[in-house]
Amino acid sequence: MKVRVDPQRCQGHTLCAMAAPEVFELSDFDGHASVITDPVPEGMESQVRDARSSCPEQAIAEED
């Protein structure tokens, strides 16, 4: 599984990094999220889906 964060939509709510800190990190510069591991490690798919569904800006997209 691959995942990406749309930088135009992300507003830095931190929910993705709380749900899947092994996959998402927040920028010290602007607080926006980015993916730090690609592809998503096995066993982390559920946390990434939780992060995607909790994003109020719908900035996270799942790719196969």
PDB file of N, CA and C in Angstrom:
ATOM      1  N   MET A   1       0.838  -1.179   0.000  1.00  0.00           N
ATOM      2  CA  MET A   1       0.000   0.000   0.000  1.00  0.00           C
ATOM      3  C   MET A   1       0.883   1.243   0.000  1.00  0.00           C
ATOM      4  N   LYS A   2       0.470   2.209  -0.763  1.00  0.00           N
ATOM      5  CA  LYS A   2       1.141   3.510  -0.774  1.00  0.00           C
ATOM      6  C   LYS A   2       0.135   4.559  -0.333  1.00  0.00           C
ATOM      7  N   VAL A   3       0.636   5.624   0.209  1.00  0.00           N
ATOM      8  CA  VAL A   3      -0.214   6.699   0.691  1.00  0.00           C
ATOM      9  C   VAL A   3       0.483   8.024   0.385  1.00  0.00           C
ATOM     10  N   ARG A   4      -0.320   9.055   0.184  1.00  0.00           N
ATOM     11  CA  ARG A   4       0.261  10.375  -0.048  1.00  0.00           C
ATOM     12  C   ARG A   4      -0.582  11.428   0.658  1.00  0.00           C
ATOM     13  N   VAL A   5       0.036  12.547   0.931  1.00  0.00           N
ATOM     14  CA  VAL A   5      -0.647  13.684   1.550  1.00  0.00           C
ATOM     15  C   VAL A   5      -0.652  14.823   0.541  1.00  0.00           C
ATOM     16  N   ASP A   6      -1.818  15.370   0.293  1.00  0.00           N
ATOM     17  CA  ASP A   6      -1.952  16.514  -0.602  1.00  0.00           C
ATOM     18  C   ASP A   6      -1.542  17.776   0.173  1.00  0.00           C
ATOM     19  N   PRO A   7      -0.407  18.375  -0.173  1.00  0.00           N
ATOM     20  CA  PRO A   7       0.065  19.537   0.583  1.00  0.00           C
ATOM     21  C   PRO A   7      -0.840  20.766   0.448  1.00  0.00           C
ATOM     22  N   GLN A   8      -1.653  20.801  -0.593  1.00  0.00           N
ATOM     23  CA  GLN A   8      -2.583  21.924  -0.767  1.00  0.00           C
ATOM     24  C   GLN A   8      -3.776  21.823   0.168  1.00  0.00           C
ATOM     25  N   ARG A   9      -4.111  20.602   0.582  1.00  0.00           N
ATOM     26  CA  ARG A   9      -5.265  20.400   1.460  1.00  0.00           C
ATOM     27  C   ARG A   9      -4.878  20.328   2.928  1.00  0.00           C
ATOM     28  N   CYS A  10      -3.698  19.790   3.219  1.00  0.00           N
ATOM     29  CA  CYS A  10      -3.284  19.578   4.608  1.00  0.00           C
ATOM     30  C   CYS A  10      -3.224  20.903   5.353  1.00  0.00           C
ATOM     31  N   GLN A  11      -3.839  20.917   6.537  1.00  0.00           N
ATOM     32  CA  GLN A  11      -3.832  22.113   7.374  1.00  0.00           C
ATOM     33  C   GLN A  11      -3.099  21.878   8.694  1.00  0.00           C
ATOM     34  N   GLY A  12      -2.463  20.705   8.840  1.00  0.00           N
ATOM     35  CA  GLY A  12      -1.658  20.431  10.021  1.00  0.00           C
ATOM     36  C   GLY A  12      -2.453  20.138  11.280  1.00  0.00           C
ATOM     37  N   HIS A  13      -3.549  19.427  11.156  1.00  0.00           N
ATOM     38  CA  HIS A  13      -4.371  19.091  12.312  1.00  0.00           C
ATOM     39  C   HIS A  13      -3.723  18.040  13.217  1.00  0.00           C
ATOM     40  N   THR A  14      -2.700  17.352  12.761  1.00  0.00           N
ATOM     41  CA  THR A  14      -1.893  16.359  13.489  1.00  0.00           C
ATOM     42  C   THR A  14      -2.559  15.006  13.689  1.00  0.00           C
ATOM     43  N   LEU A  15      -3.783  14.830  13.245  1.00  0.00           N
ATOM     44  CA  LEU A  15      -4.493  13.577  13.504  1.00  0.00           C
ATOM     45  C   LEU A  15      -3.827  12.384  12.835  1.00  0.00           C
ATOM     46  N   CYS A  16      -3.280  12.586  11.638  1.00  0.00           N
ATOM     47  CA  CYS A  16      -2.623  11.475  10.946  1.00  0.00           C
ATOM     48  C   CYS A  16      -1.374  11.032  11.688  1.00  0.00           C
ATOM     49  N   ALA A  17      -0.588  11.985  12.162  1.00  0.00           N
ATOM     50  CA  ALA A  17       0.633  11.657  12.887  1.00  0.00           C
ATOM     51  C   ALA A  17       0.320  10.986  14.224  1.00  0.00           C
ATOM     52  N   MET A  18      -0.801  11.308  14.819  1.00  0.00           N
ATOM     53  CA  MET A  18      -1.192  10.636  16.059  1.00  0.00           C
ATOM     54  C   MET A  18      -1.660   9.215  15.778  1.00  0.00           C
ATOM     55  N   ALA A  19      -2.354   9.012  14.656  1.00  0.00           N
ATOM     56  CA  ALA A  19      -2.880   7.687  14.315  1.00  0.00           C
ATOM     57  C   ALA A  19      -1.801   6.751  13.795  1.00  0.00           C
ATOM     58  N   ALA A  20      -0.831   7.283  13.054  1.00  0.00           N
ATOM     59  CA  ALA A  20       0.202   6.446  12.434  1.00  0.00           C
ATOM     60  C   ALA A  20       1.540   7.194  12.428  1.00  0.00           C
ATOM     61  N   PRO A  21       2.168   7.356  13.602  1.00  0.00           N
ATOM     62  CA  PRO A  21       3.411   8.125  13.662  1.00  0.00           C
ATOM     63  C   PRO A  21       4.580   7.488  12.919  1.00  0.00           C
ATOM     64  N   GLU A  22       4.482   6.205  12.619  1.00  0.00           N
ATOM     65  CA  GLU A  22       5.538   5.535  11.864  1.00  0.00           C
ATOM     66  C   GLU A  22       5.455   5.857  10.371  1.00  0.00           C
ATOM     67  N   VAL A  23       4.326   6.432   9.952  1.00  0.00           N
ATOM     68  CA  VAL A  23       4.092   6.693   8.530  1.00  0.00           C
ATOM     69  C   VAL A  23       4.056   8.189   8.220  1.00  0.00           C
ATOM     70  N   PHE A  24       3.535   8.998   9.133  1.00  0.00           N
ATOM     71  CA  PHE A  24       3.383  10.432   8.900  1.00  0.00           C
ATOM     72  C   PHE A  24       4.221  11.242   9.881  1.00  0.00           C
ATOM     73  N   GLU A  25       4.780  12.336   9.389  1.00  0.00           N
ATOM     74  CA  GLU A  25       5.461  13.271  10.274  1.00  0.00           C
ATOM     75  C   GLU A  25       4.984  14.674   9.947  1.00  0.00           C
ATOM     76  N   LEU A  26       5.141  15.561  10.898  1.00  0.00           N
ATOM     77  CA  LEU A  26       4.727  16.945  10.715  1.00  0.00           C
ATOM     78  C   LEU A  26       5.947  17.829  10.527  1.00  0.00           C
ATOM     79  N   SER A  27       5.847  18.752   9.625  1.00  0.00           N
ATOM     80  CA  SER A  27       6.932  19.677   9.339  1.00  0.00           C
ATOM     81  C   SER A  27       7.122  20.647  10.504  1.00  0.00           C
ATOM     82  N   ASP A  28       8.373  20.872  10.869  1.00  0.00           N
ATOM     83  CA  ASP A  28       8.679  21.882  11.878  1.00  0.00           C
ATOM     84  C   ASP A  28       8.450  23.290  11.319  1.00  0.00           C
ATOM     85  N   PHE A  29       8.471  23.395  10.007  1.00  0.00           N
ATOM     86  CA  PHE A  29       8.326  24.689   9.346  1.00  0.00           C
ATOM     87  C   PHE A  29       6.880  25.174   9.323  1.00  0.00           C
ATOM     88  N   ASP A  30       5.977  24.337   8.778  1.00  0.00           N
ATOM     89  CA  ASP A  30       4.588  24.779   8.626  1.00  0.00           C
ATOM     90  C   ASP A  30       3.561  23.858   9.280  1.00  0.00           C
ATOM     91  N   GLY A  31       4.008  22.764   9.895  1.00  0.00           N
ATOM     92  CA  GLY A  31       3.095  21.863  10.583  1.00  0.00           C
ATOM     93  C   GLY A  31       2.347  20.903   9.696  1.00  0.00           C
ATOM     94  N   HIS A  32       2.573  20.962   8.397  1.00  0.00           N
ATOM     95  CA  HIS A  32       1.877  20.071   7.478  1.00  0.00           C
ATOM     96  C   HIS A  32       2.490  18.679   7.512  1.00  0.00           C
ATOM     97  N   ALA A  33       1.666  17.697   7.217  1.00  0.00           N
ATOM     98  CA  ALA A  33       2.089  16.301   7.264  1.00  0.00           C
ATOM     99  C   ALA A  33       2.750  15.879   5.963  1.00  0.00           C
ATOM    100  N   SER A  34       3.613  14.880   6.098  1.00  0.00           N
ATOM    101  CA  SER A  34       4.194  14.229   4.926  1.00  0.00           C
ATOM    102  C   SER A  34       4.392  12.759   5.267  1.00  0.00           C
ATOM    103  N   VAL A  35       4.528  11.963   4.231  1.00  0.00           N
ATOM    104  CA  VAL A  35       4.729  10.516   4.389  1.00  0.00           C
ATOM    105  C   VAL A  35       6.222  10.273   4.564  1.00  0.00           C
ATOM    106  N   ILE A  36       6.593   9.482   5.566  1.00  0.00           N
ATOM    107  CA  ILE A  36       8.007   9.226   5.818  1.00  0.00           C
ATOM    108  C   ILE A  36       8.435   7.815   5.457  1.00  0.00           C
ATOM    109  N   THR A  37       7.501   6.957   5.099  1.00  0.00           N
ATOM    110  CA  THR A  37       7.851   5.603   4.690  1.00  0.00           C
ATOM    111  C   THR A  37       6.976   5.189   3.514  1.00  0.00           C
ATOM    112  N   ASP A  38       7.615   4.680   2.480  1.00  0.00           N
ATOM    113  CA  ASP A  38       6.891   4.327   1.264  1.00  0.00           C
ATOM    114  C   ASP A  38       7.507   3.052   0.698  1.00  0.00           C
ATOM    115  N   PRO A  39       6.789   1.995   0.584  1.00  0.00           N
ATOM    116  CA  PRO A  39       5.367   1.845   0.894  1.00  0.00           C
ATOM    117  C   PRO A  39       5.129   1.731   2.395  1.00  0.00           C
ATOM    118  N   VAL A  40       3.865   1.721   2.783  1.00  0.00           N
ATOM    119  CA  VAL A  40       3.474   1.575   4.178  1.00  0.00           C
ATOM    120  C   VAL A  40       3.935   0.198   4.668  1.00  0.00           C
ATOM    121  N   PRO A  41       4.595   0.141   5.814  1.00  0.00           N
ATOM    122  CA  PRO A  41       5.040  -1.154   6.329  1.00  0.00           C
ATOM    123  C   PRO A  41       3.863  -2.100   6.591  1.00  0.00           C
ATOM    124  N   GLU A  42       4.111  -3.375   6.364  1.00  0.00           N
ATOM    125  CA  GLU A  42       3.070  -4.373   6.625  1.00  0.00           C
ATOM    126  C   GLU A  42       2.610  -4.249   8.068  1.00  0.00           C
ATOM    127  N   GLY A  43       1.319  -4.385   8.263  1.00  0.00           N
ATOM    128  CA  GLY A  43       0.741  -4.291   9.585  1.00  0.00           C
ATOM    129  C   GLY A  43       0.306  -2.889   9.968  1.00  0.00           C
ATOM    130  N   MET A  44       0.666  -1.892   9.172  1.00  0.00           N
ATOM    131  CA  MET A  44       0.308  -0.505   9.474  1.00  0.00           C
ATOM    132  C   MET A  44      -0.885  -0.016   8.657  1.00  0.00           C
ATOM    133  N   GLU A  45      -1.414  -0.879   7.809  1.00  0.00           N
ATOM    134  CA  GLU A  45      -2.493  -0.463   6.914  1.00  0.00           C
ATOM    135  C   GLU A  45      -3.708   0.061   7.678  1.00  0.00           C
ATOM    136  N   SER A  46      -4.068  -0.590   8.766  1.00  0.00           N
ATOM    137  CA  SER A  46      -5.239  -0.183   9.543  1.00  0.00           C
ATOM    138  C   SER A  46      -5.044   1.211  10.140  1.00  0.00           C
ATOM    139  N   GLN A  47      -3.847   1.481  10.670  1.00  0.00           N
ATOM    140  CA  GLN A  47      -3.579   2.801  11.242  1.00  0.00           C
ATOM    141  C   GLN A  47      -3.609   3.881  10.168  1.00  0.00           C
ATOM    142  N   VAL A  48      -3.106   3.561   8.978  1.00  0.00           N
ATOM    143  CA  VAL A  48      -3.125   4.538   7.886  1.00  0.00           C
ATOM    144  C   VAL A  48      -4.561   4.816   7.444  1.00  0.00           C
ATOM    145  N   ARG A  49      -5.377   3.786   7.391  1.00  0.00           N
ATOM    146  CA  ARG A  49      -6.793   4.001   7.032  1.00  0.00           C
ATOM    147  C   ARG A  49      -7.504   4.832   8.092  1.00  0.00           C
ATOM    148  N   ASP A  50      -7.164   4.605   9.375  1.00  0.00           N
ATOM    149  CA  ASP A  50      -7.728   5.430  10.444  1.00  0.00           C
ATOM    150  C   ASP A  50      -7.295   6.886  10.277  1.00  0.00           C
ATOM    151  N   ALA A  51      -6.024   7.080   9.939  1.00  0.00           N
ATOM    152  CA  ALA A  51      -5.512   8.440   9.728  1.00  0.00           C
ATOM    153  C   ALA A  51      -6.236   9.110   8.570  1.00  0.00           C
ATOM    154  N   ARG A  52      -6.403   8.370   7.480  1.00  0.00           N
ATOM    155  CA  ARG A  52      -7.085   8.921   6.303  1.00  0.00           C
ATOM    156  C   ARG A  52      -8.516   9.306   6.642  1.00  0.00           C
ATOM    157  N   SER A  53      -9.225   8.438   7.340  1.00  0.00           N
ATOM    158  CA  SER A  53     -10.630   8.731   7.646  1.00  0.00           C
ATOM    159  C   SER A  53     -10.787   9.835   8.695  1.00  0.00           C
ATOM    160  N   SER A  54      -9.762  10.068   9.506  1.00  0.00           N
ATOM    161  CA  SER A  54      -9.865  11.103  10.531  1.00  0.00           C
ATOM    162  C   SER A  54      -9.423  12.479  10.039  1.00  0.00           C
ATOM    163  N   CYS A  55      -8.849  12.551   8.859  1.00  0.00           N
ATOM    164  CA  CYS A  55      -8.360  13.829   8.337  1.00  0.00           C
ATOM    165  C   CYS A  55      -9.535  14.735   7.970  1.00  0.00           C
ATOM    166  N   PRO A  56      -9.697  15.857   8.670  1.00  0.00           N
ATOM    167  CA  PRO A  56     -10.833  16.738   8.370  1.00  0.00           C
ATOM    168  C   PRO A  56     -10.745  17.407   6.997  1.00  0.00           C
ATOM    169  N   GLU A  57      -9.551  17.482   6.452  1.00  0.00           N
ATOM    170  CA  GLU A  57      -9.370  18.112   5.144  1.00  0.00           C
ATOM    171  C   GLU A  57      -9.365  17.108   4.002  1.00  0.00           C
ATOM    172  N   GLN A  58      -9.482  15.827   4.321  1.00  0.00           N
ATOM    173  CA  GLN A  58      -9.429  14.743   3.325  1.00  0.00           C
ATOM    174  C   GLN A  58      -8.176  14.889   2.446  1.00  0.00           C
ATOM    175  N   ALA A  59      -7.037  15.122   3.122  1.00  0.00           N
ATOM    176  CA  ALA A  59      -5.778  15.367   2.428  1.00  0.00           C
ATOM    177  C   ALA A  59      -4.965  14.094   2.185  1.00  0.00           C
ATOM    178  N   ILE A  60      -5.422  12.966   2.715  1.00  0.00           N
ATOM    179  CA  ILE A  60      -4.670  11.718   2.602  1.00  0.00           C
ATOM    180  C   ILE A  60      -5.339  10.820   1.581  1.00  0.00           C
ATOM    181  N   ALA A  61      -4.543  10.327   0.652  1.00  0.00           N
ATOM    182  CA  ALA A  61      -5.056   9.419  -0.389  1.00  0.00           C
ATOM    183  C   ALA A  61      -4.279   8.113  -0.322  1.00  0.00           C
ATOM    184  N   GLU A  62      -5.010   7.046  -0.447  1.00  0.00           N
ATOM    185  CA  GLU A  62      -4.431   5.686  -0.472  1.00  0.00           C
ATOM    186  C   GLU A  62      -4.236   5.273  -1.914  1.00  0.00           C
ATOM    187  N   GLU A  63      -3.086   4.700  -2.188  1.00  0.00           N
ATOM    188  CA  GLU A  63      -2.786   4.205  -3.535  1.00  0.00           C
ATOM    189  C   GLU A  63      -2.368   2.758  -3.430  1.00  0.00           C
ATOM    190  N   ASP A  64      -2.731   1.949  -4.413  1.00  0.00           N
ATOM    191  CA  ASP A  64      -2.315   0.537  -4.401  1.00  0.00           C
ATOM    192  C   ASP A  64      -1.115   0.314  -5.266  1.00  0.00           C
TER     193      ASP A  64
END
